[in-house]
Protein backbone atom coordinates (compact mmCIF):
# COMPACT_ATOMS: atom_id res chain seq x y z
CA MET A 1 7.76 23.00 32.83
CA LYS A 2 4.20 22.89 32.56
CA LYS A 3 2.47 21.55 29.66
CA SER A 4 0.47 24.01 27.50
CA LYS A 5 -3.06 23.31 26.93
CA SER A 6 -2.89 23.44 23.16
CA ALA A 7 0.01 21.25 23.16
CA PRO A 8 -1.15 17.55 21.94
CA SER A 9 0.04 14.86 23.95
CA ILE A 10 2.99 12.62 22.37
CA LYS A 11 0.72 9.30 22.74
CA PRO A 12 -2.26 10.61 20.48
CA MET A 13 0.04 11.91 17.57
CA GLN A 14 1.73 8.63 17.98
CA LYS A 15 -1.18 6.61 17.55
CA GLY A 16 -2.19 8.43 14.01
CA TYR A 17 1.50 8.36 12.84
CA ASP A 18 1.29 4.27 13.59
CA SER A 19 -2.04 3.89 11.59
CA GLN A 20 -0.77 6.26 8.69
CA ILE A 21 2.39 3.88 8.79
CA SER A 22 0.25 0.49 8.75
CA LYS A 23 -1.88 1.85 6.18
CA LEU A 24 0.85 2.66 3.87
CA ALA A 25 2.55 -0.62 4.51
CA LYS A 26 -0.82 -2.48 3.24
CA GLU A 27 -0.57 -0.26 0.17
CA ILE A 28 3.09 -0.99 -0.58
CA LYS A 29 3.14 -4.24 -3.12
CA VAL A 30 6.26 -6.43 -3.14
CA TYR A 31 6.47 -7.93 -6.61
CA ALA A 32 8.00 -11.16 -7.40
CA GLU A 33 9.23 -13.33 -10.33
CA GLU A 34 6.14 -15.36 -10.15
CA ASP A 35 3.52 -12.37 -10.14
CA HIS A 36 5.13 -11.96 -14.16
CA LEU A 37 4.91 -15.78 -14.87
CA LYS A 38 1.39 -16.18 -13.17
CA GLY A 39 -1.05 -17.53 -16.04
CA LYS A 40 1.76 -17.99 -18.64
CA SER A 41 2.51 -21.10 -20.88
CA ASP A 42 4.88 -23.53 -19.64
CA GLU A 43 6.91 -22.64 -23.03
CA VAL A 44 7.32 -19.00 -21.88
CA THR A 45 8.20 -19.64 -18.28
CA GLU A 46 10.63 -22.20 -19.57
CA LEU A 47 12.09 -19.85 -21.94
CA TYR A 48 12.16 -17.44 -19.22
CA GLU A 49 14.10 -19.38 -16.85
CA SER A 50 16.49 -20.15 -20.00
CA PHE A 51 17.09 -16.55 -20.15
CA ARG A 52 17.17 -15.72 -16.54
CA ASN A 53 20.03 -18.82 -15.95
CA ALA A 54 22.09 -17.32 -18.81
CA ILE A 55 21.74 -13.78 -17.31
CA GLN A 56 22.98 -15.18 -13.85
CA ASN A 57 25.80 -17.07 -15.48
CA LEU A 58 27.13 -13.77 -16.69
CA ASP A 59 28.34 -12.59 -13.27
CA PRO A 60 27.74 -13.94 -9.41
CA ASP A 61 27.00 -10.61 -8.25
CA ILE A 62 23.41 -9.94 -10.85
CA GLU A 63 20.60 -9.54 -8.90
CA ILE A 64 16.88 -9.88 -9.94
CA LYS A 65 14.58 -6.98 -9.24
CA PRO A 66 10.95 -7.75 -10.11
CA GLN A 67 8.85 -4.47 -10.54
CA LYS A 68 5.60 -3.69 -11.51
CA MET A 69 5.69 -4.28 -15.23
CA VAL A 70 9.08 -5.96 -15.84
CA ILE A 71 11.58 -7.88 -14.10
CA GLY A 72 15.14 -6.09 -13.68
CA PHE A 73 18.55 -7.48 -13.74
CA THR A 74 21.36 -5.49 -11.40
CA HIS A 75 24.85 -5.41 -10.88
CA ARG A 76 26.08 -3.44 -8.33
CA GLY A 77 22.85 -1.59 -8.27
CA LYS A 78 22.67 -0.29 -11.68
CA ILE A 79 19.69 -2.22 -13.81
CA PHE A 80 21.47 -3.17 -17.05
CA ALA A 81 18.38 -5.43 -18.61
CA ASP A 82 14.82 -5.83 -17.98
CA VAL A 83 12.77 -8.53 -19.25
CA LEU A 84 8.80 -8.25 -19.84
CA VAL A 85 7.17 -11.93 -20.16
CA LEU A 86 4.32 -11.73 -22.88
CA LYS A 87 1.86 -14.38 -24.26
CA SER A 88 4.50 -15.95 -26.14
CA GLU A 89 7.74 -14.31 -25.89
CA LEU A 90 9.94 -12.26 -23.97
CA LYS A 91 10.84 -8.57 -24.50
CA CYS A 92 14.45 -7.62 -23.35
CA TRP A 93 15.62 -4.34 -22.67
CA ILE A 94 19.61 -3.65 -22.92
CA ASN A 95 20.51 -0.63 -20.72
CA LEU A 96 22.77 1.26 -23.47
CA LYS A 97 22.42 4.42 -25.28
CA TRP A 98 21.61 4.08 -29.00
CA GLY A 99 25.04 3.46 -31.13
CA VAL A 100 26.94 2.10 -27.95
CA LEU A 101 26.05 -1.74 -28.67
CA ASP A 102 27.41 -4.01 -30.83
CA ASP A 103 24.97 -6.07 -32.71
CA PRO A 104 26.27 -7.31 -36.01
CA LYS A 105 23.05 -9.60 -36.68
CA HIS A 106 20.81 -6.39 -36.20
CA ILE A 107 18.23 -8.52 -33.70
CA SER A 108 17.90 -5.25 -31.65
CA ARG A 109 15.70 -2.52 -32.33
CA ASP A 110 16.01 1.43 -31.63
CA VAL A 111 13.29 2.03 -29.21
CA SER A 112 15.01 5.73 -28.08
CA ASN A 113 12.23 7.58 -29.19
CA VAL A 114 9.48 5.44 -27.94
CA GLY A 115 8.15 4.94 -24.82
CA THR A 116 9.02 1.45 -23.12
CA TRP A 117 8.58 -0.06 -19.49
CA GLY A 118 12.08 -1.25 -19.90
CA ASN A 119 15.41 0.89 -19.21
CA GLY A 120 17.75 1.63 -22.27
CA ASP A 121 17.61 2.06 -26.25
CA TYR A 122 17.53 -1.42 -27.26
CA GLU A 123 14.34 -3.82 -27.49
CA ILE A 124 15.36 -7.63 -28.44
CA ARG A 125 12.22 -9.96 -28.72
CA VAL A 126 12.98 -13.45 -27.59
CA SER A 127 10.69 -16.12 -28.62
CA ASP A 128 13.08 -19.17 -28.63
CA THR A 129 16.75 -20.34 -27.25
CA LYS A 130 17.98 -20.39 -30.78
CA ASN A 131 19.83 -16.96 -30.53
CA LEU A 132 20.38 -17.16 -26.72
CA GLU A 133 24.18 -17.07 -26.56
CA TYR A 134 24.23 -14.43 -29.05
CA THR A 135 21.75 -12.25 -26.94
CA MET A 136 23.82 -12.86 -24.13
CA SER A 137 26.53 -11.28 -25.64
CA LEU A 138 24.70 -8.19 -26.32
CA VAL A 139 23.49 -8.13 -22.75
CA LYS A 140 27.03 -8.82 -21.45
CA GLN A 141 28.21 -5.73 -23.19
CA ALA A 142 25.41 -3.56 -20.90
CA LEU A 143 26.86 -5.46 -17.45
CA THR A 144 30.37 -4.46 -18.58
CA ASN A 145 29.71 -0.84 -19.95
């Protein structure tokens, strides 16, 4: 079989393809928890670590998925909670539809009609560990639902 004069060689095509892949690989940013904690106070960092440890104690299969704006917590591939580390507190979103969460203390806020960076219709602001056990009972509802 004779090579057509108009058909490009595989080698030049491969070179262009490799350069596109390497260029794309440079553009992809992998986020880490440290990116979210950089420049934050020791108090907020400790609060996040307490919160993270409490979430991880709910189930051994929980994974942490840091993203650009939030840190997601997944269980079997499904995000059930997101955390945004702010200057003096944490914002936590619980991934349940509004009306499903049993929250007798009413510490969560309805964000079903508000744009957020997290998943779910419930937002909780956490500024200390005072209600940590109760907050974990709310998070656990999303985990088991």
